[in-house]
Amino acid sequence: MSLLFSKGLAQSSLKSEESEQSLLCLEKFNNPPRTLYDEIGSQEQDFYYTSLKADLDWKSIVDKLQLENTQLVHSLKEANHHLIQSRREKDQLQSFIQQQTETASRLRNTIENQKQQLKMLDSNKQLDLIFQKKFILMENQALKESQEEIQKYYDIQIKNPLMHNPLSKWRSCVHALIAIQRFQKALR
């Protein structure tokens, strides 16, 4: 009878300190021999333990998944609450920004209108001052002509040294302007 050794089965070497005793004892092997039955039996035992473990694992996995599910639902509710709150804040900020831009544009338009009104008033004042200057120059010319006519009529040669001085002419113009302004205020 010939024995066939399979490479798939574990092989072990026998160590023997005493050469006379060659009893098959597991303690004497470095690697205890394993048979096909040992492998099948261990697989059945492993299957039985794994099925028990699987039942326990399955229950623990279900418990863990339920716990995780409740945590996820809770975090989803919190995220939804934060999202709603953020949207409200966003809407409030957008309305506030819109009000600010509308107010700023209204103020800008008001300032532009006031600038234009001031320019018109300044141009009107400038025109009024130009008109007053021309009017005073015409009055001054008329006074000179009337004075010359009076002097010719009476044949008087009056030379007033004060009238030829530029400072006295300037004072006379200032007094005339003040008199005109007082006259205008009285008419209002």
C-alpha atoms as a PDB file:
ATOM      1  CA  MET A   1       0.000   0.000   0.000  1.00  0.00           C
ATOM      2  CA  SER A   2       1.421   3.274  -0.954  1.00  0.00           C
ATOM      3  CA  LEU A   3       0.780   6.500   0.879  1.00  0.00           C
ATOM      4  CA  LEU A   4       0.223   9.704  -0.947  1.00  0.00           C
ATOM      5  CA  PHE A   5       1.083  12.867   0.842  1.00  0.00           C
ATOM      6  CA  SER A   6      -0.725  15.960  -0.076  1.00  0.00           C
ATOM      7  CA  LYS A   7       1.031  19.265  -0.087  1.00  0.00           C
ATOM      8  CA  GLY A   8      -2.144  20.915   1.206  1.00  0.00           C
ATOM      9  CA  LEU A   9      -2.025  19.063   4.532  1.00  0.00           C
ATOM     10  CA  ALA A  10       0.243  20.334   7.191  1.00  0.00           C
ATOM     11  CA  GLN A  11       3.365  18.279   7.767  1.00  0.00           C
ATOM     12  CA  SER A  12       5.283  18.337  10.996  1.00  0.00           C
ATOM     13  CA  SER A  13       8.487  16.852  12.154  1.00  0.00           C
ATOM     14  CA  LEU A  14       8.728  14.644  15.179  1.00  0.00           C
ATOM     15  CA  LYS A  15      11.162  15.722  17.802  1.00  0.00           C
ATOM     16  CA  SER A  16      12.290  13.124  20.066  1.00  0.00           C
ATOM     17  CA  GLU A  17      14.623  13.436  22.968  1.00  0.00           C
ATOM     18  CA  GLU A  18      14.369   9.809  23.756  1.00  0.00           C
ATOM     19  CA  SER A  19      14.810   7.611  20.771  1.00  0.00           C
ATOM     20  CA  GLU A  20      13.243   4.585  22.365  1.00  0.00           C
ATOM     21  CA  GLN A  21       9.859   6.121  23.006  1.00  0.00           C
ATOM     22  CA  SER A  22       8.198   6.893  19.787  1.00  0.00           C
ATOM     23  CA  LEU A  23       4.696   7.259  21.073  1.00  0.00           C
ATOM     24  CA  LEU A  24       2.540   9.579  19.165  1.00  0.00           C
ATOM     25  CA  CYS A  25       2.102  12.302  21.621  1.00  0.00           C
ATOM     26  CA  LEU A  26       1.146  15.832  20.704  1.00  0.00           C
ATOM     27  CA  GLU A  27       3.578  17.341  23.112  1.00  0.00           C
ATOM     28  CA  LYS A  28       6.478  15.889  21.298  1.00  0.00           C
ATOM     29  CA  PHE A  29       5.703  17.687  18.024  1.00  0.00           C
ATOM     30  CA  ASN A  30       6.918  21.160  17.241  1.00  0.00           C
ATOM     31  CA  ASN A  31       3.925  21.581  14.999  1.00  0.00           C
ATOM     32  CA  PRO A  32       1.164  19.178  16.021  1.00  0.00           C
ATOM     33  CA  PRO A  33      -0.157  17.126  13.113  1.00  0.00           C
ATOM     34  CA  ARG A  34      -3.534  18.062  11.755  1.00  0.00           C
ATOM     35  CA  THR A  35      -5.925  15.861   9.949  1.00  0.00           C
ATOM     36  CA  LEU A  36      -8.763  16.572   7.611  1.00  0.00           C
ATOM     37  CA  TYR A  37     -11.214  15.911  10.434  1.00  0.00           C
ATOM     38  CA  ASP A  38      -9.482  18.470  12.619  1.00  0.00           C
ATOM     39  CA  GLU A  39      -9.862  21.020   9.895  1.00  0.00           C
ATOM     40  CA  ILE A  40     -13.527  20.193   9.227  1.00  0.00           C
ATOM     41  CA  GLY A  41     -14.345  20.063  12.945  1.00  0.00           C
ATOM     42  CA  SER A  42     -12.677  23.355  13.588  1.00  0.00           C
ATOM     43  CA  GLN A  43     -14.581  24.877  10.686  1.00  0.00           C
ATOM     44  CA  GLU A  44     -17.857  23.583  12.113  1.00  0.00           C
ATOM     45  CA  GLN A  45     -16.971  24.923  15.523  1.00  0.00           C
ATOM     46  CA  ASP A  46     -15.914  28.185  13.976  1.00  0.00           C
ATOM     47  CA  PHE A  47     -19.183  28.287  12.027  1.00  0.00           C
ATOM     48  CA  TYR A  48     -21.190  27.655  15.189  1.00  0.00           C
ATOM     49  CA  TYR A  49     -19.282  30.330  17.097  1.00  0.00           C
ATOM     50  CA  THR A  50     -19.421  32.703  14.192  1.00  0.00           C
ATOM     51  CA  SER A  51     -23.170  32.149  13.854  1.00  0.00           C
ATOM     52  CA  LEU A  52     -23.591  32.961  17.549  1.00  0.00           C
ATOM     53  CA  LYS A  53     -21.254  35.875  17.131  1.00  0.00           C
ATOM     54  CA  ALA A  54     -23.123  36.853  13.975  1.00  0.00           C
ATOM     55  CA  ASP A  55     -26.421  36.822  15.866  1.00  0.00           C
ATOM     56  CA  LEU A  56     -24.873  38.928  18.597  1.00  0.00           C
ATOM     57  CA  ASP A  57     -23.075  41.053  16.031  1.00  0.00           C
ATOM     58  CA  TRP A  58     -26.244  41.451  13.987  1.00  0.00           C
ATOM     59  CA  LYS A  59     -28.188  42.627  17.033  1.00  0.00           C
ATOM     60  CA  SER A  60     -25.396  44.979  18.040  1.00  0.00           C
ATOM     61  CA  ILE A  61     -25.111  46.213  14.463  1.00  0.00           C
ATOM     62  CA  VAL A  62     -28.870  46.844  14.359  1.00  0.00           C
ATOM     63  CA  ASP A  63     -28.675  48.661  17.698  1.00  0.00           C
ATOM     64  CA  LYS A  64     -25.701  50.681  16.483  1.00  0.00           C
ATOM     65  CA  LEU A  65     -27.452  51.497  13.222  1.00  0.00           C
ATOM     66  CA  GLN A  66     -30.628  52.555  15.055  1.00  0.00           C
ATOM     67  CA  LEU A  67     -28.583  54.743  17.369  1.00  0.00           C
ATOM     68  CA  GLU A  68     -26.684  56.187  14.431  1.00  0.00           C
ATOM     69  CA  ASN A  69     -29.958  56.710  12.576  1.00  0.00           C
ATOM     70  CA  THR A  70     -31.482  58.631  15.497  1.00  0.00           C
ATOM     71  CA  GLN A  71     -28.304  60.699  15.755  1.00  0.00           C
ATOM     72  CA  LEU A  72     -28.417  61.408  12.032  1.00  0.00           C
ATOM     73  CA  VAL A  73     -32.095  62.369  12.211  1.00  0.00           C
ATOM     74  CA  HIS A  74     -31.331  64.642  15.149  1.00  0.00           C
ATOM     75  CA  SER A  75     -28.377  66.240  13.359  1.00  0.00           C
ATOM     76  CA  LEU A  76     -30.517  66.591  10.221  1.00  0.00           C
ATOM     77  CA  LYS A  77     -33.193  68.415  12.229  1.00  0.00           C
ATOM     78  CA  GLU A  78     -30.535  70.679  13.735  1.00  0.00           C
ATOM     79  CA  ALA A  79     -29.031  71.342  10.302  1.00  0.00           C
ATOM     80  CA  ASN A  80     -32.500  72.084   8.926  1.00  0.00           C
ATOM     81  CA  HIS A  81     -33.173  74.450  11.841  1.00  0.00           C
ATOM     82  CA  HIS A  82     -29.827  76.192  11.263  1.00  0.00           C
ATOM     83  CA  LEU A  83     -30.568  76.393   7.542  1.00  0.00           C
ATOM     84  CA  ILE A  84     -33.957  78.012   8.158  1.00  0.00           C
ATOM     85  CA  GLN A  85     -32.404  80.413  10.651  1.00  0.00           C
ATOM     86  CA  SER A  86     -29.608  81.255   8.197  1.00  0.00           C
ATOM     87  CA  ARG A  87     -32.139  81.894   5.436  1.00  0.00           C
ATOM     88  CA  ARG A  88     -34.081  84.244   7.725  1.00  0.00           C
ATOM     89  CA  GLU A  89     -30.895  86.082   8.620  1.00  0.00           C
ATOM     90  CA  LYS A  90     -29.957  86.245   4.930  1.00  0.00           C
ATOM     91  CA  ASP A  91     -33.383  87.692   4.048  1.00  0.00           C
ATOM     92  CA  GLN A  92     -33.112  90.224   6.869  1.00  0.00           C
ATOM     93  CA  LEU A  93     -29.627  91.215   5.755  1.00  0.00           C
ATOM     94  CA  GLN A  94     -30.738  91.523   2.136  1.00  0.00           C
ATOM     95  CA  SER A  95     -33.688  93.740   3.103  1.00  0.00           C
ATOM     96  CA  PHE A  96     -31.417  95.822   5.343  1.00  0.00           C
ATOM     97  CA  ILE A  97     -28.852  96.199   2.551  1.00  0.00           C
ATOM     98  CA  GLN A  98     -31.607  97.097   0.087  1.00  0.00           C
ATOM     99  CA  GLN A  99     -32.973  99.741   2.474  1.00  0.00           C
ATOM    100  CA  GLN A 100     -29.476 101.122   2.960  1.00  0.00           C
ATOM    101  CA  THR A 101     -28.833 101.318  -0.782  1.00  0.00           C
ATOM    102  CA  GLU A 102     -32.220 102.983  -1.364  1.00  0.00           C
ATOM    103  CA  THR A 103     -31.503 105.474   1.421  1.00  0.00           C
ATOM    104  CA  ALA A 104     -28.025 106.112   0.051  1.00  0.00           C
ATOM    105  CA  SER A 105     -29.371 106.654  -3.474  1.00  0.00           C
ATOM    106  CA  ARG A 106     -32.078 109.016  -2.157  1.00  0.00           C
ATOM    107  CA  LEU A 107     -29.484 110.958  -0.185  1.00  0.00           C
ATOM    108  CA  ARG A 108     -27.180 111.045  -3.214  1.00  0.00           C
ATOM    109  CA  ASN A 109     -30.027 112.405  -5.374  1.00  0.00           C
ATOM    110  CA  THR A 110     -30.930 114.970  -2.700  1.00  0.00           C
ATOM    111  CA  ILE A 111     -27.322 116.111  -2.464  1.00  0.00           C
ATOM    112  CA  GLU A 112     -27.058 116.391  -6.258  1.00  0.00           C
ATOM    113  CA  ASN A 113     -30.285 118.446  -6.348  1.00  0.00           C
ATOM    114  CA  GLN A 114     -28.992 120.714  -3.597  1.00  0.00           C
ATOM    115  CA  LYS A 115     -25.699 121.138  -5.461  1.00  0.00           C
ATOM    116  CA  GLN A 116     -27.567 122.128  -8.602  1.00  0.00           C
ATOM    117  CA  GLN A 117     -29.740 124.549  -6.636  1.00  0.00           C
ATOM    118  CA  LEU A 118     -26.655 126.077  -5.030  1.00  0.00           C
ATOM    119  CA  LYS A 119     -25.007 126.407  -8.438  1.00  0.00           C
ATOM    120  CA  MET A 120     -28.121 128.135  -9.742  1.00  0.00           C
ATOM    121  CA  LEU A 121     -28.210 130.391  -6.690  1.00  0.00           C
ATOM    122  CA  ASP A 122     -24.515 131.145  -7.081  1.00  0.00           C
ATOM    123  CA  SER A 123     -24.981 131.893 -10.751  1.00  0.00           C
ATOM    124  CA  ASN A 124     -28.010 134.058  -9.870  1.00  0.00           C
ATOM    125  CA  LYS A 125     -25.970 135.843  -7.203  1.00  0.00           C
ATOM    126  CA  GLN A 126     -23.148 136.329  -9.665  1.00  0.00           C
ATOM    127  CA  LEU A 127     -25.597 137.723 -12.197  1.00  0.00           C
ATOM    128  CA  ASP A 128     -27.067 139.966  -9.489  1.00  0.00           C
ATOM    129  CA  LEU A 129     -23.613 141.200  -8.531  1.00  0.00           C
ATOM    130  CA  ILE A 130     -22.728 141.836 -12.184  1.00  0.00           C
ATOM    131  CA  PHE A 131     -25.982 143.721 -12.647  1.00  0.00           C
ATOM    132  CA  GLN A 132     -25.358 145.753  -9.468  1.00  0.00           C
ATOM    133  CA  LYS A 133     -21.844 146.574 -10.612  1.00  0.00           C
ATOM    134  CA  LYS A 134     -23.078 147.729 -14.023  1.00  0.00           C
ATOM    135  CA  PHE A 135     -25.855 149.692 -12.370  1.00  0.00           C
ATOM    136  CA  ILE A 136     -23.413 151.394  -9.981  1.00  0.00           C
ATOM    137  CA  LEU A 137     -21.040 152.184 -12.836  1.00  0.00           C
ATOM    138  CA  MET A 138     -23.914 153.704 -14.808  1.00  0.00           C
ATOM    139  CA  GLU A 139     -25.022 155.715 -11.775  1.00  0.00           C
ATOM    140  CA  ASN A 140     -21.467 156.838 -11.197  1.00  0.00           C
ATOM    141  CA  GLN A 141     -21.189 157.880 -14.848  1.00  0.00           C
ATOM    142  CA  ALA A 142     -24.520 159.680 -14.607  1.00  0.00           C
ATOM    143  CA  LEU A 143     -23.377 161.492 -11.443  1.00  0.00           C
ATOM    144  CA  LYS A 144     -20.167 162.558 -13.161  1.00  0.00           C
ATOM    145  CA  GLU A 145     -22.087 163.857 -16.167  1.00  0.00           C
ATOM    146  CA  SER A 146     -24.585 165.678 -13.998  1.00  0.00           C
ATOM    147  CA  GLN A 147     -21.785 167.162 -11.919  1.00  0.00           C
ATOM    148  CA  GLU A 148     -20.024 168.321 -15.051  1.00  0.00           C
ATOM    149  CA  GLU A 149     -23.274 169.847 -16.360  1.00  0.00           C
ATOM    150  CA  ILE A 150     -23.841 171.638 -13.074  1.00  0.00           C
ATOM    151  CA  GLN A 151     -20.312 172.959 -13.125  1.00  0.00           C
ATOM    152  CA  LYS A 152     -20.747 174.124 -16.713  1.00  0.00           C
ATOM    153  CA  TYR A 153     -24.100 175.687 -15.948  1.00  0.00           C
ATOM    154  CA  TYR A 154     -22.791 177.631 -12.990  1.00  0.00           C
ATOM    155  CA  ASP A 155     -19.433 177.945 -14.603  1.00  0.00           C
ATOM    156  CA  ILE A 156     -17.719 176.693 -11.493  1.00  0.00           C
ATOM    157  CA  GLN A 157     -14.375 175.069 -11.504  1.00  0.00           C
ATOM    158  CA  ILE A 158     -14.292 172.952  -8.366  1.00  0.00           C
ATOM    159  CA  LYS A 159     -11.416 170.755  -7.816  1.00  0.00           C
ATOM    160  CA  ASN A 160     -11.950 168.438  -4.920  1.00  0.00           C
ATOM    161  CA  PRO A 161      -8.722 166.733  -3.954  1.00  0.00           C
ATOM    162  CA  LEU A 162     -10.617 163.979  -2.129  1.00  0.00           C
ATOM    163  CA  MET A 163     -12.437 162.852  -5.280  1.00  0.00           C
ATOM    164  CA  HIS A 164      -9.237 162.154  -7.138  1.00  0.00           C
ATOM    165  CA  ASN A 165      -7.893 159.851  -4.436  1.00  0.00           C
ATOM    166  CA  PRO A 166      -8.518 156.114  -5.316  1.00  0.00           C
ATOM    167  CA  LEU A 167      -9.158 155.233  -1.666  1.00  0.00           C
ATOM    168  CA  SER A 168     -11.936 157.783  -1.398  1.00  0.00           C
ATOM    169  CA  LYS A 169     -13.469 156.480  -4.640  1.00  0.00           C
ATOM    170  CA  TRP A 170     -13.397 152.964  -3.238  1.00  0.00           C
ATOM    171  CA  ARG A 171     -15.044 154.136   0.004  1.00  0.00           C
ATOM    172  CA  SER A 172     -17.728 155.897  -1.979  1.00  0.00           C
ATOM    173  CA  CYS A 173     -18.456 152.701  -3.938  1.00  0.00           C
ATOM    174  CA  VAL A 174     -18.671 150.660  -0.732  1.00  0.00           C
ATOM    175  CA  HIS A 175     -21.058 153.187   0.819  1.00  0.00           C
ATOM    176  CA  ALA A 176     -23.153 153.102  -2.348  1.00  0.00           C
ATOM    177  CA  LEU A 177     -23.312 149.268  -2.256  1.00  0.00           C
ATOM    178  CA  ILE A 178     -24.346 149.319   1.394  1.00  0.00           C
ATOM    179  CA  ALA A 179     -27.047 151.842   0.611  1.00  0.00           C
ATOM    180  CA  ILE A 180     -28.346 149.694  -2.266  1.00  0.00           C
ATOM    181  CA  GLN A 181     -28.479 146.589  -0.090  1.00  0.00           C
ATOM    182  CA  ARG A 182     -30.356 148.464   2.629  1.00  0.00           C
ATOM    183  CA  PHE A 183     -32.756 149.742   0.000  1.00  0.00           C
ATOM    184  CA  GLN A 184     -33.348 146.176  -1.322  1.00  0.00           C
ATOM    185  CA  LYS A 185     -33.982 144.856   2.194  1.00  0.00           C
ATOM    186  CA  ALA A 186     -36.460 147.620   2.792  1.00  0.00           C
ATOM    187  CA  LEU A 187     -38.357 146.655  -0.386  1.00  0.00           C
ATOM    188  CA  ARG A 188     -38.708 143.012   0.690  1.00  0.00           C
END
